[in-house]
PDB file of all heavy atoms in Angstrom:
ATOM      1  N   PRO A   1     -99.298  25.834  20.640  1.00  0.00           N
ATOM      2  CA  PRO A   1     -99.110  25.497  19.237  1.00  0.00           C
ATOM      3  C   PRO A   1     -98.001  24.455  19.020  1.00  0.00           C
ATOM      4  O   PRO A   1     -97.264  24.542  18.036  1.00  0.00           O
ATOM      5  CB  PRO A   1     -98.716  26.845  18.644  1.00  0.00           C
ATOM      6  CG  PRO A   1     -97.857  27.456  19.730  1.00  0.00           C
ATOM      7  CD  PRO A   1     -98.413  26.954  21.033  1.00  0.00           C
ATOM      8  N   PHE A   2     -97.824  23.496  19.930  1.00  0.00           N
ATOM      9  CA  PHE A   2     -96.773  22.488  19.803  1.00  0.00           C
ATOM     10  C   PHE A   2     -97.302  21.279  19.040  1.00  0.00           C
ATOM     11  O   PHE A   2     -98.391  20.775  19.336  1.00  0.00           O
ATOM     12  CB  PHE A   2     -96.283  22.061  21.185  1.00  0.00           C
ATOM     13  CG  PHE A   2     -95.598  23.157  21.953  1.00  0.00           C
ATOM     14  CD1 PHE A   2     -96.328  24.015  22.754  1.00  0.00           C
ATOM     15  CD2 PHE A   2     -94.235  23.336  21.850  1.00  0.00           C
ATOM     16  CE1 PHE A   2     -95.703  25.027  23.469  1.00  0.00           C
ATOM     17  CE2 PHE A   2     -93.591  24.347  22.557  1.00  0.00           C
ATOM     18  CZ  PHE A   2     -94.330  25.198  23.360  1.00  0.00           C
ATOM     19  N   THR A   3     -96.502  20.805  18.071  1.00  0.00           N
ATOM     20  CA  THR A   3     -96.858  19.634  17.270  1.00  0.00           C
ATOM     21  C   THR A   3     -95.808  18.545  17.463  1.00  0.00           C
ATOM     22  O   THR A   3     -94.608  18.807  17.384  1.00  0.00           O
ATOM     23  CB  THR A   3     -96.951  19.991  15.777  1.00  0.00           C
ATOM     24  OG1 THR A   3     -98.073  20.842  15.557  1.00  0.00           O
ATOM     25  CG2 THR A   3     -97.125  18.733  14.927  1.00  0.00           C
ATOM     26  N   LEU A   4     -96.281  17.343  17.720  1.00  0.00           N
ATOM     27  CA  LEU A   4     -95.417  16.171  17.734  1.00  0.00           C
ATOM     28  C   LEU A   4     -95.568  15.472  16.381  1.00  0.00           C
ATOM     29  O   LEU A   4     -96.669  15.059  16.011  1.00  0.00           O
ATOM     30  CB  LEU A   4     -95.797  15.224  18.869  1.00  0.00           C
ATOM     31  CG  LEU A   4     -95.578  15.745  20.291  1.00  0.00           C
ATOM     32  CD1 LEU A   4     -96.114  14.727  21.303  1.00  0.00           C
ATOM     33  CD2 LEU A   4     -94.107  16.027  20.549  1.00  0.00           C
ATOM     34  N   ALA A   5     -94.478  15.367  15.642  1.00  0.00           N
ATOM     35  CA  ALA A   5     -94.483  14.738  14.322  1.00  0.00           C
ATOM     36  C   ALA A   5     -93.656  13.457  14.376  1.00  0.00           C
ATOM     37  O   ALA A   5     -92.543  13.449  14.906  1.00  0.00           O
ATOM     38  CB  ALA A   5     -93.907  15.682  13.275  1.00  0.00           C
ATOM     39  N   ALA A   6     -94.212  12.379  13.842  1.00  0.00           N
ATOM     40  CA  ALA A   6     -93.513  11.093  13.859  1.00  0.00           C
ATOM     41  C   ALA A   6     -93.705  10.393  12.522  1.00  0.00           C
ATOM     42  O   ALA A   6     -94.749  10.539  11.874  1.00  0.00           O
ATOM     43  CB  ALA A   6     -94.027  10.209  14.990  1.00  0.00           C
ATOM     44  N   ARG A   7     -92.689   9.658  12.128  1.00  0.00           N
ATOM     45  CA  ARG A   7     -92.778   8.863  10.897  1.00  0.00           C
ATOM     46  C   ARG A   7     -92.002   7.572  11.076  1.00  0.00           C
ATOM     47  O   ARG A   7     -90.936   7.547  11.698  1.00  0.00           O
ATOM     48  CB  ARG A   7     -92.192   9.614   9.699  1.00  0.00           C
ATOM     49  CG  ARG A   7     -92.224   8.763   8.416  1.00  0.00           C
ATOM     50  CD  ARG A   7     -91.608   9.455   7.227  1.00  0.00           C
ATOM     51  NE  ARG A   7     -90.163   9.561   7.341  1.00  0.00           N
ATOM     52  CZ  ARG A   7     -89.365  10.003   6.358  1.00  0.00           C
ATOM     53  NH1 ARG A   7     -89.901  10.396   5.216  1.00  0.00           N
ATOM     54  NH2 ARG A   7     -88.061  10.077   6.534  1.00  0.00           N
ATOM     55  N   VAL A   8     -92.534   6.497  10.512  1.00  0.00           N
ATOM     56  CA  VAL A   8     -91.813   5.237  10.403  1.00  0.00           C
ATOM     57  C   VAL A   8     -91.995   4.737   8.976  1.00  0.00           C
ATOM     58  O   VAL A   8     -93.097   4.832   8.416  1.00  0.00           O
ATOM     59  CB  VAL A   8     -92.309   4.200  11.440  1.00  0.00           C
ATOM     60  CG1 VAL A   8     -93.776   3.890  11.252  1.00  0.00           C
ATOM     61  CG2 VAL A   8     -91.468   2.934  11.372  1.00  0.00           C
ATOM     62  N   LEU A   9     -90.914   4.253   8.374  1.00  0.00           N
ATOM     63  CA  LEU A   9     -90.929   3.886   6.955  1.00  0.00           C
ATOM     64  C   LEU A   9     -90.136   2.602   6.762  1.00  0.00           C
ATOM     65  O   LEU A   9     -89.061   2.436   7.344  1.00  0.00           O
ATOM     66  CB  LEU A   9     -90.333   5.020   6.116  1.00  0.00           C
ATOM     67  CG  LEU A   9     -90.199   4.827   4.605  1.00  0.00           C
ATOM     68  CD1 LEU A   9     -90.334   6.172   3.905  1.00  0.00           C
ATOM     69  CD2 LEU A   9     -88.855   4.218   4.223  1.00  0.00           C
ATOM     70  N   HIS A  10     -90.682   1.715   5.956  1.00  0.00           N
ATOM     71  CA  HIS A  10     -89.907   0.558   5.514  1.00  0.00           C
ATOM     72  C   HIS A  10     -89.947   0.500   3.991  1.00  0.00           C
ATOM     73  O   HIS A  10     -91.008   0.604   3.370  1.00  0.00           O
ATOM     74  CB  HIS A  10     -90.466  -0.758   6.057  1.00  0.00           C
ATOM     75  CG  HIS A  10     -89.814  -1.962   5.430  1.00  0.00           C
ATOM     76  ND1 HIS A  10     -88.472  -2.244   5.578  1.00  0.00           N
ATOM     77  CD2 HIS A  10     -90.314  -2.934   4.611  1.00  0.00           C
ATOM     78  CE1 HIS A  10     -88.174  -3.333   4.904  1.00  0.00           C
ATOM     79  NE2 HIS A  10     -89.260  -3.774   4.300  1.00  0.00           N
ATOM     80  N   TYR A  11     -88.769   0.378   3.411  1.00  0.00           N
ATOM     81  CA  TYR A  11     -88.663   0.229   1.962  1.00  0.00           C
ATOM     82  C   TYR A  11     -87.658  -0.882   1.712  1.00  0.00           C
ATOM     83  O   TYR A  11     -86.523  -0.836   2.190  1.00  0.00           O
ATOM     84  CB  TYR A  11     -88.197   1.530   1.323  1.00  0.00           C
ATOM     85  CG  TYR A  11     -88.291   1.542  -0.184  1.00  0.00           C
ATOM     86  CD1 TYR A  11     -89.293   0.846  -0.858  1.00  0.00           C
ATOM     87  CD2 TYR A  11     -87.396   2.277  -0.952  1.00  0.00           C
ATOM     88  CE1 TYR A  11     -89.389   0.875  -2.229  1.00  0.00           C
ATOM     89  CE2 TYR A  11     -87.485   2.318  -2.329  1.00  0.00           C
ATOM     90  CZ  TYR A  11     -88.481   1.613  -2.962  1.00  0.00           C
ATOM     91  OH  TYR A  11     -88.575   1.638  -4.329  1.00  0.00           O
ATOM     92  N   GLY A  12     -88.085  -1.915   0.984  1.00  0.00           N
ATOM     93  CA  GLY A  12     -87.203  -3.050   0.762  1.00  0.00           C
ATOM     94  C   GLY A  12     -87.392  -3.673  -0.598  1.00  0.00           C
ATOM     95  O   GLY A  12     -88.454  -3.561  -1.220  1.00  0.00           O
ATOM     96  N   ARG A  13     -86.340  -4.322  -1.058  1.00  0.00           N
ATOM     97  CA  ARG A  13     -86.372  -5.043  -2.323  1.00  0.00           C
ATOM     98  C   ARG A  13     -86.254  -6.527  -2.007  1.00  0.00           C
ATOM     99  O   ARG A  13     -85.342  -6.952  -1.297  1.00  0.00           O
ATOM    100  CB  ARG A  13     -85.227  -4.568  -3.216  1.00  0.00           C
ATOM    101  CG  ARG A  13     -85.301  -5.068  -4.648  1.00  0.00           C
ATOM    102  CD  ARG A  13     -84.109  -4.590  -5.451  1.00  0.00           C
ATOM    103  NE  ARG A  13     -84.098  -3.159  -5.639  1.00  0.00           N
ATOM    104  CZ  ARG A  13     -83.074  -2.376  -5.317  1.00  0.00           C
ATOM    105  NH1 ARG A  13     -81.997  -2.892  -4.764  1.00  0.00           N
ATOM    106  NH2 ARG A  13     -83.127  -1.069  -5.528  1.00  0.00           N
ATOM    107  N   TYR A  14     -87.165  -7.317  -2.535  1.00  0.00           N
ATOM    108  CA  TYR A  14     -87.236  -8.745  -2.226  1.00  0.00           C
ATOM    109  C   TYR A  14     -87.260  -9.542  -3.534  1.00  0.00           C
ATOM    110  O   TYR A  14     -87.446  -8.997  -4.619  1.00  0.00           O
ATOM    111  CB  TYR A  14     -88.491  -9.060  -1.406  1.00  0.00           C
ATOM    112  CG  TYR A  14     -88.549  -8.356  -0.070  1.00  0.00           C
ATOM    113  CD1 TYR A  14     -89.070  -7.063   0.037  1.00  0.00           C
ATOM    114  CD2 TYR A  14     -88.086  -8.980   1.084  1.00  0.00           C
ATOM    115  CE1 TYR A  14     -89.129  -6.412   1.267  1.00  0.00           C
ATOM    116  CE2 TYR A  14     -88.136  -8.340   2.314  1.00  0.00           C
ATOM    117  CZ  TYR A  14     -88.662  -7.060   2.395  1.00  0.00           C
ATOM    118  OH  TYR A  14     -88.713  -6.420   3.607  1.00  0.00           O
ATOM    119  N   GLY A  15     -87.072 -10.867  -3.417  1.00  0.00           N
ATOM    120  CA  GLY A  15     -87.149 -11.724  -4.587  1.00  0.00           C
ATOM    121  C   GLY A  15     -85.797 -12.255  -5.009  1.00  0.00           C
ATOM    122  O   GLY A  15     -84.744 -11.973  -4.407  1.00  0.00           O
ATOM    123  N   ARG A  16     -85.815 -13.020  -6.104  1.00  0.00           N
ATOM    124  CA  ARG A  16     -84.627 -13.737  -6.565  1.00  0.00           C
ATOM    125  C   ARG A  16     -83.448 -12.814  -6.841  1.00  0.00           C
ATOM    126  O   ARG A  16     -82.309 -13.103  -6.466  1.00  0.00           O
ATOM    127  CB  ARG A  16     -84.984 -14.519  -7.835  1.00  0.00           C
ATOM    128  CG  ARG A  16     -83.866 -15.404  -8.365  1.00  0.00           C
ATOM    129  CD  ARG A  16     -84.260 -15.968  -9.722  1.00  0.00           C
ATOM    130  NE  ARG A  16     -84.337 -14.911 -10.734  1.00  0.00           N
ATOM    131  CZ  ARG A  16     -84.951 -15.050 -11.912  1.00  0.00           C
ATOM    132  NH1 ARG A  16     -85.568 -16.193 -12.200  1.00  0.00           N
ATOM    133  NH2 ARG A  16     -84.949 -14.069 -12.781  1.00  0.00           N
ATOM    134  N   ASP A  17     -83.683 -11.690  -7.496  1.00  0.00           N
ATOM    135  CA  ASP A  17     -82.594 -10.800  -7.889  1.00  0.00           C
ATOM    136  C   ASP A  17     -82.585  -9.504  -7.085  1.00  0.00           C
ATOM    137  O   ASP A  17     -82.108  -8.469  -7.562  1.00  0.00           O
ATOM    138  CB  ASP A  17     -82.726 -10.465  -9.388  1.00  0.00           C
ATOM    139  CG  ASP A  17     -82.643 -11.709 -10.265  1.00  0.00           C
ATOM    140  OD1 ASP A  17     -81.757 -12.539 -10.008  1.00  0.00           O
ATOM    141  OD2 ASP A  17     -83.478 -11.849 -11.183  1.00  0.00           O
ATOM    142  N   ALA A  18     -83.097  -9.562  -5.856  1.00  0.00           N
ATOM    143  CA  ALA A  18     -83.213  -8.344  -5.053  1.00  0.00           C
ATOM    144  C   ALA A  18     -81.871  -7.689  -4.772  1.00  0.00           C
ATOM    145  O   ALA A  18     -81.792  -6.469  -4.614  1.00  0.00           O
ATOM    146  CB  ALA A  18     -83.928  -8.659  -3.738  1.00  0.00           C
ATOM    147  N   GLU A  19     -80.801  -8.496  -4.712  1.00  0.00           N
ATOM    148  CA  GLU A  19     -79.494  -7.934  -4.392  1.00  0.00           C
ATOM    149  C   GLU A  19     -78.499  -8.132  -5.531  1.00  0.00           C
ATOM    150  O   GLU A  19     -77.294  -8.261  -5.312  1.00  0.00           O
ATOM    151  CB  GLU A  19     -78.969  -8.546  -3.090  1.00  0.00           C
ATOM    152  CG  GLU A  19     -79.853  -8.208  -1.901  1.00  0.00           C
ATOM    153  CD  GLU A  19     -79.265  -8.661  -0.578  1.00  0.00           C
ATOM    154  OE1 GLU A  19     -78.162  -9.252  -0.578  1.00  0.00           O
ATOM    155  OE2 GLU A  19     -79.911  -8.432   0.459  1.00  0.00           O
ATOM    156  N   ASP A  20     -79.011  -8.151  -6.744  1.00  0.00           N
ATOM    157  CA  ASP A  20     -78.135  -8.196  -7.899  1.00  0.00           C
ATOM    158  C   ASP A  20     -77.200  -6.992  -7.877  1.00  0.00           C
ATOM    159  O   ASP A  20     -77.599  -5.868  -7.549  1.00  0.00           O
ATOM    160  CB  ASP A  20     -78.977  -8.194  -9.188  1.00  0.00           C
ATOM    161  CG  ASP A  20     -78.128  -8.403 -10.423  1.00  0.00           C
ATOM    162  OD1 ASP A  20     -77.526  -7.415 -10.907  1.00  0.00           O
ATOM    163  OD2 ASP A  20     -78.061  -9.549 -10.919  1.00  0.00           O
ATOM    164  N   GLY A  21     -75.947  -7.212  -8.225  1.00  0.00           N
ATOM    165  CA  GLY A  21     -74.951  -6.155  -8.146  1.00  0.00           C
ATOM    166  C   GLY A  21     -75.234  -4.965  -9.028  1.00  0.00           C
ATOM    167  O   GLY A  21     -74.675  -3.881  -8.815  1.00  0.00           O
ATOM    168  N   ARG A  22     -76.105  -5.131 -10.011  1.00  0.00           N
ATOM    169  CA  ARG A  22     -76.422  -4.016 -10.900  1.00  0.00           C
ATOM    170  C   ARG A  22     -77.514  -3.107 -10.353  1.00  0.00           C
ATOM    171  O   ARG A  22     -77.757  -2.034 -10.910  1.00  0.00           O
ATOM    172  CB  ARG A  22     -76.836  -4.560 -12.268  1.00  0.00           C
ATOM    173  CG  ARG A  22     -75.691  -5.167 -13.058  1.00  0.00           C
ATOM    174  CD  ARG A  22     -76.191  -5.877 -14.293  1.00  0.00           C
ATOM    175  NE  ARG A  22     -76.921  -7.103 -13.958  1.00  0.00           N
ATOM    176  CZ  ARG A  22     -77.494  -7.903 -14.859  1.00  0.00           C
ATOM    177  NH1 ARG A  22     -77.424  -7.587 -16.147  1.00  0.00           N
ATOM    178  NH2 ARG A  22     -78.113  -8.996 -14.479  1.00  0.00           N
ATOM    179  N   LEU A  23     -78.185  -3.506  -9.300  1.00  0.00           N
ATOM    180  CA  LEU A  23     -79.214  -2.663  -8.701  1.00  0.00           C
ATOM    181  C   LEU A  23     -78.587  -1.755  -7.654  1.00  0.00           C
ATOM    182  O   LEU A  23     -77.811  -2.196  -6.807  1.00  0.00           O
ATOM    183  CB  LEU A  23     -80.306  -3.525  -8.056  1.00  0.00           C
ATOM    184  CG  LEU A  23     -81.183  -4.320  -9.015  1.00  0.00           C
ATOM    185  CD1 LEU A  23     -82.182  -5.164  -8.237  1.00  0.00           C
ATOM    186  CD2 LEU A  23     -81.928  -3.386  -9.966  1.00  0.00           C
ATOM    187  N   PHE A  24     -78.949  -0.507  -7.701  1.00  0.00           N
ATOM    188  CA  PHE A  24     -78.398   0.480  -6.787  1.00  0.00           C
ATOM    189  C   PHE A  24     -78.920   0.220  -5.375  1.00  0.00           C
ATOM    190  O   PHE A  24     -80.120   0.086  -5.167  1.00  0.00           O
ATOM    191  CB  PHE A  24     -78.824   1.881  -7.234  1.00  0.00           C
ATOM    192  CG  PHE A  24     -77.999   2.975  -6.649  1.00  0.00           C
ATOM    193  CD1 PHE A  24     -76.771   3.291  -7.201  1.00  0.00           C
ATOM    194  CD2 PHE A  24     -78.439   3.680  -5.549  1.00  0.00           C
ATOM    195  CE1 PHE A  24     -76.011   4.306  -6.668  1.00  0.00           C
ATOM    196  CE2 PHE A  24     -77.685   4.695  -5.011  1.00  0.00           C
ATOM    197  CZ  PHE A  24     -76.465   5.015  -5.579  1.00  0.00           C
ATOM    198  N   PRO A  25     -78.053   0.116  -4.374  1.00  0.00           N
ATOM    199  CA  PRO A  25     -78.536  -0.117  -3.012  1.00  0.00           C
ATOM    200  C   PRO A  25     -79.226   1.123  -2.443  1.00  0.00           C
ATOM    201  O   PRO A  25     -78.962   2.248  -2.874  1.00  0.00           O
ATOM    202  CB  PRO A  25     -77.244  -0.426  -2.241  1.00  0.00           C
ATOM    203  CG  PRO A  25     -76.174   0.264  -3.009  1.00  0.00           C
ATOM    204  CD  PRO A  25     -76.588   0.202  -4.459  1.00  0.00           C
ATOM    205  N   PHE A  26     -80.112   0.927  -1.493  1.00  0.00           N
ATOM    206  CA  PHE A  26     -80.750   2.037  -0.805  1.00  0.00           C
ATOM    207  C   PHE A  26     -79.734   2.680   0.145  1.00  0.00           C
ATOM    208  O   PHE A  26     -78.897   1.999   0.743  1.00  0.00           O
ATOM    209  CB  PHE A  26     -81.972   1.560  -0.022  1.00  0.00           C
ATOM    210  CG  PHE A  26     -83.007   0.897  -0.879  1.00  0.00           C
ATOM    211  CD1 PHE A  26     -83.627  -0.272  -0.471  1.00  0.00           C
ATOM    212  CD2 PHE A  26     -83.368   1.436  -2.096  1.00  0.00           C
ATOM    213  CE1 PHE A  26     -84.586  -0.888  -1.255  1.00  0.00           C
ATOM    214  CE2 PHE A  26     -84.316   0.823  -2.899  1.00  0.00           C
ATOM    215  CZ  PHE A  26     -84.929  -0.339  -2.475  1.00  0.00           C
ATOM    216  N   PHE A  27     -79.850   4.005   0.314  1.00  0.00           N
ATOM    217  CA  PHE A  27     -78.918   4.757   1.144  1.00  0.00           C
ATOM    218  C   PHE A  27     -79.685   5.424   2.273  1.00  0.00           C
ATOM    219  O   PHE A  27     -80.581   6.245   2.043  1.00  0.00           O
ATOM    220  CB  PHE A  27     -78.186   5.802   0.309  1.00  0.00           C
ATOM    221  CG  PHE A  27     -77.199   6.624   1.091  1.00  0.00           C
ATOM    222  CD1 PHE A  27     -76.138   6.019   1.745  1.00  0.00           C
ATOM    223  CD2 PHE A  27     -77.327   7.999   1.165  1.00  0.00           C
ATOM    224  CE1 PHE A  27     -75.215   6.776   2.460  1.00  0.00           C
ATOM    225  CE2 PHE A  27     -76.414   8.759   1.876  1.00  0.00           C
ATOM    226  CZ  PHE A  27     -75.355   8.142   2.519  1.00  0.00           C
ATOM    227  N   LEU A  28     -79.345   5.062   3.506  1.00  0.00           N
ATOM    228  CA  LEU A  28     -80.061   5.531   4.681  1.00  0.00           C
ATOM    229  C   LEU A  28     -79.676   6.951   5.088  1.00  0.00           C
ATOM    230  O   LEU A  28     -80.410   7.608   5.828  1.00  0.00           O
ATOM    231  CB  LEU A  28     -79.787   4.569   5.841  1.00  0.00           C
ATOM    232  CG  LEU A  28     -80.592   4.717   7.121  1.00  0.00           C
ATOM    233  CD1 LEU A  28     -82.072   4.458   6.875  1.00  0.00           C
ATOM    234  CD2 LEU A  28     -80.065   3.766   8.185  1.00  0.00           C
ATOM    235  N   GLY A  29     -78.543   7.456   4.592  1.00  0.00           N
ATOM    236  CA  GLY A  29     -78.028   8.733   5.072  1.00  0.00           C
ATOM    237  C   GLY A  29     -78.582   9.966   4.398  1.00  0.00           C
ATOM    238  O   GLY A  29     -78.057  11.068   4.630  1.00  0.00           O
ATOM    239  N   CYS A  30     -79.622   9.844   3.574  1.00  0.00           N
ATOM    240  CA  CYS A  30     -80.235  11.033   2.968  1.00  0.00           C
ATOM    241  C   CYS A  30     -80.779  11.939   4.064  1.00  0.00           C
ATOM    242  O   CYS A  30     -81.246  11.471   5.109  1.00  0.00           O
ATOM    243  CB  CYS A  30     -81.352  10.637   2.020  1.00  0.00           C
ATOM    244  SG  CYS A  30     -80.822   9.661   0.605  1.00  0.00           S
ATOM    245  N   SER A  31     -80.786  13.246   3.821  1.00  0.00           N
ATOM    246  CA  SER A  31     -81.246  14.191   4.835  1.00  0.00           C
ATOM    247  C   SER A  31     -82.727  14.058   5.132  1.00  0.00           C
ATOM    248  O   SER A  31     -83.202  14.538   6.159  1.00  0.00           O
ATOM    249  CB  SER A  31     -80.941  15.630   4.392  1.00  0.00           C
ATOM    250  OG  SER A  31     -81.593  15.925   3.162  1.00  0.00           O
ATOM    251  N   THR A  32     -83.492  13.408   4.249  1.00  0.00           N
ATOM    252  CA  THR A  32     -84.911  13.183   4.507  1.00  0.00           C
ATOM    253  C   THR A  32     -85.162  11.891   5.268  1.00  0.00           C
ATOM    254  O   THR A  32     -86.311  11.582   5.587  1.00  0.00           O
ATOM    255  CB  THR A  32     -85.694  13.138   3.188  1.00  0.00           C
ATOM    256  OG1 THR A  32     -85.119  12.145   2.328  1.00  0.00           O
ATOM    257  CG2 THR A  32     -85.652  14.487   2.483  1.00  0.00           C
ATOM    258  N   LEU A  33     -84.089  11.124   5.553  1.00  0.00           N
ATOM    259  CA  LEU A  33     -84.242   9.858   6.285  1.00  0.00           C
ATOM    260  C   LEU A  33     -83.576   9.954   7.655  1.00  0.00           C
ATOM    261  O   LEU A  33     -84.244  10.101   8.665  1.00  0.00           O
ATOM    262  CB  LEU A  33     -83.670   8.702   5.462  1.00  0.00           C
ATOM    263  CG  LEU A  33     -84.367   8.446   4.119  1.00  0.00           C
ATOM    264  CD1 LEU A  33     -83.650   7.358   3.337  1.00  0.00           C
ATOM    265  CD2 LEU A  33     -85.830   8.080   4.331  1.00  0.00           C
ATOM    266  N   VAL A  34     -82.240   9.864   7.719  1.00  0.00           N
ATOM    267  CA  VAL A  34     -81.521  10.036   8.975  1.00  0.00           C
ATOM    268  C   VAL A  34     -80.525  11.181   8.778  1.00  0.00           C
ATOM    269  O   VAL A  34     -79.556  11.045   8.023  1.00  0.00           O
ATOM    270  CB  VAL A  34     -80.793   8.748   9.390  1.00  0.00           C
ATOM    271  CG1 VAL A  34     -80.028   8.970  10.694  1.00  0.00           C
ATOM    272  CG2 VAL A  34     -81.781   7.602   9.559  1.00  0.00           C
ATOM    273  N   ARG A  35     -80.781  12.300   9.420  1.00  0.00           N
ATOM    274  CA  ARG A  35     -79.932  13.479   9.259  1.00  0.00           C
ATOM    275  C   ARG A  35     -78.576  13.287   9.929  1.00  0.00           C
ATOM    276  O   ARG A  35     -78.448  12.574  10.910  1.00  0.00           O
ATOM    277  CB  ARG A  35     -80.653  14.702   9.849  1.00  0.00           C
ATOM    278  CG  ARG A  35     -81.795  15.211   8.981  1.00  0.00           C
ATOM    279  CD  ARG A  35     -82.761  16.098   9.730  1.00  0.00           C
ATOM    280  NE  ARG A  35     -83.714  15.305  10.520  1.00  0.00           N
ATOM    281  CZ  ARG A  35     -84.858  15.799  11.005  1.00  0.00           C
ATOM    282  NH1 ARG A  35     -85.191  17.050  10.782  1.00  0.00           N
ATOM    283  NH2 ARG A  35     -85.660  15.018  11.710  1.00  0.00           N
ATOM    284  N   GLY A  36     -77.555  13.934   9.351  1.00  0.00           N
ATOM    285  CA  GLY A  36     -76.213  13.862   9.901  1.00  0.00           C
ATOM    286  C   GLY A  36     -75.311  12.844   9.247  1.00  0.00           C
ATOM    287  O   GLY A  36     -74.142  12.713   9.630  1.00  0.00           O
ATOM    288  N   TYR A  37     -75.824  12.116   8.233  1.00  0.00           N
ATOM    289  CA  TYR A  37     -75.035  11.060   7.584  1.00  0.00           C
ATOM    290  C   TYR A  37     -74.977  11.254   6.068  1.00  0.00           C
ATOM    291  O   TYR A  37     -74.807  10.293   5.326  1.00  0.00           O
ATOM    292  CB  TYR A  37     -75.629   9.684   7.905  1.00  0.00           C
ATOM    293  CG  TYR A  37     -75.504   9.298   9.360  1.00  0.00           C
ATOM    294  CD1 TYR A  37     -76.442   9.719  10.292  1.00  0.00           C
ATOM    295  CD2 TYR A  37     -74.437   8.517   9.808  1.00  0.00           C
ATOM    296  CE1 TYR A  37     -76.335   9.380  11.636  1.00  0.00           C
ATOM    297  CE2 TYR A  37     -74.320   8.167  11.146  1.00  0.00           C
ATOM    298  CZ  TYR A  37     -75.274   8.603  12.056  1.00  0.00           C
ATOM    299  OH  TYR A  37     -75.153   8.265  13.384  1.00  0.00           O
ATOM    300  N   ASP A  38     -75.117  12.477   5.612  1.00  0.00           N
ATOM    301  CA  ASP A  38     -75.045  12.747   4.181  1.00  0.00           C
ATOM    302  C   ASP A  38     -73.702  12.280   3.623  1.00  0.00           C
ATOM    303  O   ASP A  38     -72.654  12.462   4.246  1.00  0.00           O
ATOM    304  CB  ASP A  38     -75.227  14.252   3.929  1.00  0.00           C
ATOM    305  CG  ASP A  38     -75.235  14.580   2.456  1.00  0.00           C
ATOM    306  OD1 ASP A  38     -76.276  14.377   1.819  1.00  0.00           O
ATOM    307  OD2 ASP A  38     -74.176  15.033   1.954  1.00  0.00           O
ATOM    308  N   PHE A  39     -73.736  11.664   2.446  1.00  0.00           N
ATOM    309  CA  PHE A  39     -72.521  11.049   1.897  1.00  0.00           C
ATOM    310  C   PHE A  39     -71.395  12.055   1.731  1.00  0.00           C
ATOM    311  O   PHE A  39     -70.222  11.758   2.008  1.00  0.00           O
ATOM    312  CB  PHE A  39     -72.840  10.386   0.553  1.00  0.00           C
ATOM    313  CG  PHE A  39     -71.646   9.730  -0.081  1.00  0.00           C
ATOM    314  CD1 PHE A  39     -71.185   8.510   0.384  1.00  0.00           C
ATOM    315  CD2 PHE A  39     -70.971  10.341  -1.126  1.00  0.00           C
ATOM    316  CE1 PHE A  39     -70.076   7.909  -0.182  1.00  0.00           C
ATOM    317  CE2 PHE A  39     -69.866   9.751  -1.702  1.00  0.00           C
ATOM    318  CZ  PHE A  39     -69.414   8.523  -1.227  1.00  0.00           C
ATOM    319  N   ASN A  40     -71.723  13.279   1.303  1.00  0.00           N
ATOM    320  CA  ASN A  40     -70.683  14.274   1.064  1.00  0.00           C
ATOM    321  C   ASN A  40     -70.051  14.795   2.351  1.00  0.00           C
ATOM    322  O   ASN A  40     -69.073  15.551   2.301  1.00  0.00           O
ATOM    323  CB  ASN A  40     -71.260  15.447   0.262  1.00  0.00           C
ATOM    324  CG  ASN A  40     -71.613  15.047  -1.157  1.00  0.00           C
ATOM    325  OD1 ASN A  40     -70.867  14.307  -1.792  1.00  0.00           O
ATOM    326  ND2 ASN A  40     -72.737  15.514  -1.664  1.00  0.00           N
ATOM    327  N   SER A  41     -70.599  14.428   3.508  1.00  0.00           N
ATOM    328  CA  SER A  41     -70.034  14.902   4.774  1.00  0.00           C
ATOM    329  C   SER A  41     -68.955  13.977   5.319  1.00  0.00           C
ATOM    330  O   SER A  41     -68.323  14.292   6.321  1.00  0.00           O
ATOM    331  CB  SER A  41     -71.145  15.053   5.823  1.00  0.00           C
ATOM    332  OG  SER A  41     -71.671  13.785   6.207  1.00  0.00           O
ATOM    333  N   PHE A  42     -68.721  12.828   4.674  1.00  0.00           N
ATOM    334  CA  PHE A  42     -67.721  11.879   5.152  1.00  0.00           C
ATOM    335  C   PHE A  42     -66.346  12.205   4.589  1.00  0.00           C
ATOM    336  O   PHE A  42     -66.218  12.780   3.495  1.00  0.00           O
ATOM    337  CB  PHE A  42     -68.099  10.444   4.758  1.00  0.00           C
ATOM    338  CG  PHE A  42     -69.204   9.852   5.587  1.00  0.00           C
ATOM    339  CD1 PHE A  42     -70.517   9.991   5.194  1.00  0.00           C
ATOM    340  CD2 PHE A  42     -68.919   9.163   6.753  1.00  0.00           C
ATOM    341  CE1 PHE A  42     -71.549   9.456   5.941  1.00  0.00           C
ATOM    342  CE2 PHE A  42     -69.941   8.616   7.513  1.00  0.00           C
ATOM    343  CZ  PHE A  42     -71.261   8.767   7.107  1.00  0.00           C
ATOM    344  N   SER A  43     -65.335  11.822   5.321  1.00  0.00           N
ATOM    345  CA  SER A  43     -63.959  11.955   4.860  1.00  0.00           C
ATOM    346  C   SER A  43     -63.250  10.621   5.062  1.00  0.00           C
ATOM    347  O   SER A  43     -63.700   9.765   5.841  1.00  0.00           O
ATOM    348  CB  SER A  43     -63.218  13.067   5.618  1.00  0.00           C
ATOM    349  OG  SER A  43     -63.219  12.804   7.007  1.00  0.00           O
ATOM    350  N   ALA A  44     -62.123  10.448   4.393  1.00  0.00           N
ATOM    351  CA  ALA A  44     -61.431   9.161   4.414  1.00  0.00           C
ATOM    352  C   ALA A  44     -60.928   8.794   5.799  1.00  0.00           C
ATOM    353  O   ALA A  44     -60.854   7.613   6.147  1.00  0.00           O
ATOM    354  CB  ALA A  44     -60.267   9.193   3.422  1.00  0.00           C
TER     355      ALA A  44
END
């Protein structure tokens, strides 16, 4: 009953205003993306 599960995902913002300072940047450290990098786990 062994299952191999794999996922690959690309999400990007493109175009003239893709990196406007008012747009919230994507965060890779969510627990559903790369585990172990949750924002609340960091210290100064």
